């Protein structure tokens, strides 16, 4: 999808790489003023002992 719109993007399906990929994307967006698409595909659900947060709603 990103290529079709002339921008870079990346798919993340490994939770261990998520923080690194988000940092890379933010650097491109904030410092280079370019869009960057993240396609994040992680398992649904909470880790053992995890607690759900309130659902985010845009205003």
N, C-alpha and C. Protein backbone atom coordinates (compact mmCIF):
# COMPACT_ATOMS: atom_id res chain seq x y z
N UNK A 1 0.84 -1.20 0.00
CA UNK A 1 0.00 0.00 0.00
C UNK A 1 0.87 1.25 0.00
N UNK A 2 1.90 1.24 0.83
CA UNK A 2 2.76 2.42 0.94
C UNK A 2 3.38 2.77 -0.42
N UNK A 3 3.89 1.77 -1.12
CA UNK A 3 4.51 2.01 -2.42
C UNK A 3 3.54 2.63 -3.41
N UNK A 4 2.29 2.21 -3.37
CA UNK A 4 1.28 2.75 -4.28
C UNK A 4 1.08 4.24 -4.08
N UNK A 5 1.35 4.73 -2.87
CA UNK A 5 1.20 6.15 -2.56
C UNK A 5 2.54 6.87 -2.54
N UNK A 6 3.60 6.19 -2.99
CA UNK A 6 4.90 6.82 -3.10
C UNK A 6 5.61 7.06 -1.78
N UNK A 7 5.37 6.20 -0.81
CA UNK A 7 6.05 6.36 0.48
C UNK A 7 6.62 5.04 0.94
N UNK A 8 7.45 5.11 1.97
CA UNK A 8 8.03 3.91 2.54
C UNK A 8 7.08 3.31 3.57
N UNK A 9 7.27 2.04 3.84
CA UNK A 9 6.49 1.37 4.86
C UNK A 9 7.16 0.09 5.28
N UNK A 10 6.64 -0.50 6.33
CA UNK A 10 7.24 -1.72 6.86
C UNK A 10 6.19 -2.52 7.61
N UNK A 11 6.26 -3.84 7.47
CA UNK A 11 5.38 -4.74 8.22
C UNK A 11 6.13 -5.24 9.45
N UNK A 12 5.44 -5.25 10.59
CA UNK A 12 6.02 -5.76 11.83
C UNK A 12 5.16 -6.92 12.31
N UNK A 13 5.77 -8.10 12.43
CA UNK A 13 5.04 -9.25 12.95
C UNK A 13 5.81 -9.93 14.08
N UNK A 14 6.82 -9.24 14.57
CA UNK A 14 7.63 -9.74 15.68
C UNK A 14 7.65 -8.67 16.77
N UNK A 15 7.07 -8.99 17.92
CA UNK A 15 6.96 -8.01 19.00
C UNK A 15 8.33 -7.49 19.44
N UNK A 16 9.36 -8.30 19.32
CA UNK A 16 10.71 -7.88 19.73
C UNK A 16 11.25 -6.76 18.84
N UNK A 17 10.74 -6.63 17.62
CA UNK A 17 11.21 -5.60 16.69
C UNK A 17 10.31 -4.37 16.68
N UNK A 18 9.23 -4.37 17.45
CA UNK A 18 8.25 -3.29 17.39
C UNK A 18 8.83 -1.95 17.80
N UNK A 19 9.48 -1.86 18.96
CA UNK A 19 10.02 -0.58 19.42
C UNK A 19 11.03 -0.01 18.44
N UNK A 20 11.93 -0.84 17.95
CA UNK A 20 12.95 -0.39 17.01
C UNK A 20 12.30 0.15 15.73
N UNK A 21 11.27 -0.52 15.25
CA UNK A 21 10.61 -0.11 14.02
C UNK A 21 9.84 1.19 14.22
N UNK A 22 9.18 1.34 15.36
CA UNK A 22 8.46 2.58 15.65
C UNK A 22 9.44 3.75 15.74
N UNK A 23 10.58 3.54 16.39
CA UNK A 23 11.59 4.60 16.48
C UNK A 23 12.08 5.00 15.09
N UNK A 24 12.31 4.02 14.22
CA UNK A 24 12.74 4.30 12.85
C UNK A 24 11.68 5.12 12.12
N UNK A 25 10.42 4.70 12.24
CA UNK A 25 9.33 5.40 11.56
C UNK A 25 9.19 6.83 12.07
N UNK A 26 9.28 7.02 13.39
CA UNK A 26 9.16 8.37 13.96
C UNK A 26 10.31 9.27 13.51
N UNK A 27 11.49 8.72 13.38
CA UNK A 27 12.62 9.52 12.91
C UNK A 27 12.38 10.00 11.48
N UNK A 28 11.88 9.12 10.63
CA UNK A 28 11.58 9.50 9.25
C UNK A 28 10.49 10.57 9.21
N UNK A 29 9.45 10.38 10.00
CA UNK A 29 8.33 11.33 10.00
C UNK A 29 8.74 12.68 10.60
N UNK A 30 9.40 12.65 11.75
CA UNK A 30 9.71 13.88 12.47
C UNK A 30 10.92 14.63 11.90
N UNK A 31 11.98 13.91 11.56
CA UNK A 31 13.21 14.58 11.12
C UNK A 31 13.27 14.81 9.62
N UNK A 32 12.67 13.92 8.85
CA UNK A 32 12.72 14.05 7.40
C UNK A 32 11.41 14.56 6.82
N UNK A 33 10.41 14.71 7.69
CA UNK A 33 9.10 15.24 7.30
C UNK A 33 8.49 14.45 6.13
N UNK A 34 8.61 13.11 6.22
CA UNK A 34 8.04 12.23 5.20
C UNK A 34 7.08 11.25 5.87
N UNK A 35 6.03 10.83 5.16
CA UNK A 35 5.13 9.83 5.73
C UNK A 35 5.78 8.45 5.75
N UNK A 36 5.32 7.61 6.67
CA UNK A 36 5.84 6.25 6.79
C UNK A 36 4.71 5.38 7.31
N UNK A 37 4.42 4.29 6.61
CA UNK A 37 3.31 3.41 6.96
C UNK A 37 3.81 2.21 7.76
N UNK A 38 3.20 1.96 8.91
CA UNK A 38 3.51 0.77 9.70
C UNK A 38 2.33 -0.19 9.61
N UNK A 39 2.59 -1.40 9.17
CA UNK A 39 1.60 -2.47 9.11
C UNK A 39 1.95 -3.43 10.24
N UNK A 40 1.31 -3.26 11.39
CA UNK A 40 1.65 -4.03 12.59
C UNK A 40 0.69 -5.19 12.73
N UNK A 41 1.24 -6.40 12.72
CA UNK A 41 0.43 -7.62 12.82
C UNK A 41 0.97 -8.47 13.95
N UNK A 42 0.39 -8.28 15.11
CA UNK A 42 0.79 -9.03 16.30
C UNK A 42 -0.40 -9.83 16.79
N UNK A 43 -0.17 -10.89 17.56
CA UNK A 43 -1.28 -11.69 18.08
C UNK A 43 -2.22 -10.85 18.94
N UNK A 44 -3.50 -11.16 18.85
CA UNK A 44 -4.48 -10.48 19.69
C UNK A 44 -4.43 -11.03 21.10
N UNK A 45 -4.86 -10.22 22.04
CA UNK A 45 -4.94 -10.68 23.41
C UNK A 45 -3.86 -10.05 24.28
N UNK A 46 -3.91 -10.39 25.53
CA UNK A 46 -2.98 -9.86 26.52
C UNK A 46 -2.00 -10.94 26.96
N UNK A 47 -0.79 -10.52 27.30
CA UNK A 47 0.13 -11.51 27.87
C UNK A 47 -0.38 -11.97 29.23
N UNK A 48 0.10 -13.09 29.70
CA UNK A 48 -0.32 -13.61 31.00
C UNK A 48 -0.09 -12.55 32.07
N UNK A 49 -1.12 -12.26 32.85
CA UNK A 49 -1.04 -11.25 33.91
C UNK A 49 -1.27 -9.84 33.40
N UNK A 50 -1.49 -9.66 32.10
CA UNK A 50 -1.71 -8.33 31.52
C UNK A 50 -3.10 -7.81 31.86
N UNK A 51 -3.24 -6.50 31.86
CA UNK A 51 -4.51 -5.84 32.16
C UNK A 51 -4.86 -4.92 31.00
N UNK A 52 -6.10 -4.99 30.55
CA UNK A 52 -6.55 -4.14 29.45
C UNK A 52 -6.65 -2.69 29.89
N UNK A 53 -6.32 -1.78 28.99
CA UNK A 53 -6.45 -0.35 29.25
C UNK A 53 -7.78 0.11 28.66
N UNK A 54 -8.14 1.35 28.93
CA UNK A 54 -9.38 1.88 28.36
C UNK A 54 -9.22 2.01 26.86
N UNK A 55 -10.30 1.81 26.14
CA UNK A 55 -10.28 1.92 24.69
C UNK A 55 -10.05 3.37 24.30
N UNK A 56 -9.17 3.61 23.33
CA UNK A 56 -8.88 4.96 22.84
C UNK A 56 -9.95 5.36 21.84
N UNK A 57 -10.46 6.56 22.00
CA UNK A 57 -11.45 7.09 21.05
C UNK A 57 -10.99 8.47 20.60
N UNK A 58 -10.99 8.68 19.30
CA UNK A 58 -10.61 9.99 18.78
C UNK A 58 -11.72 10.98 19.08
N UNK A 59 -11.32 12.19 19.35
CA UNK A 59 -12.32 13.23 19.67
C UNK A 59 -12.76 13.95 18.44
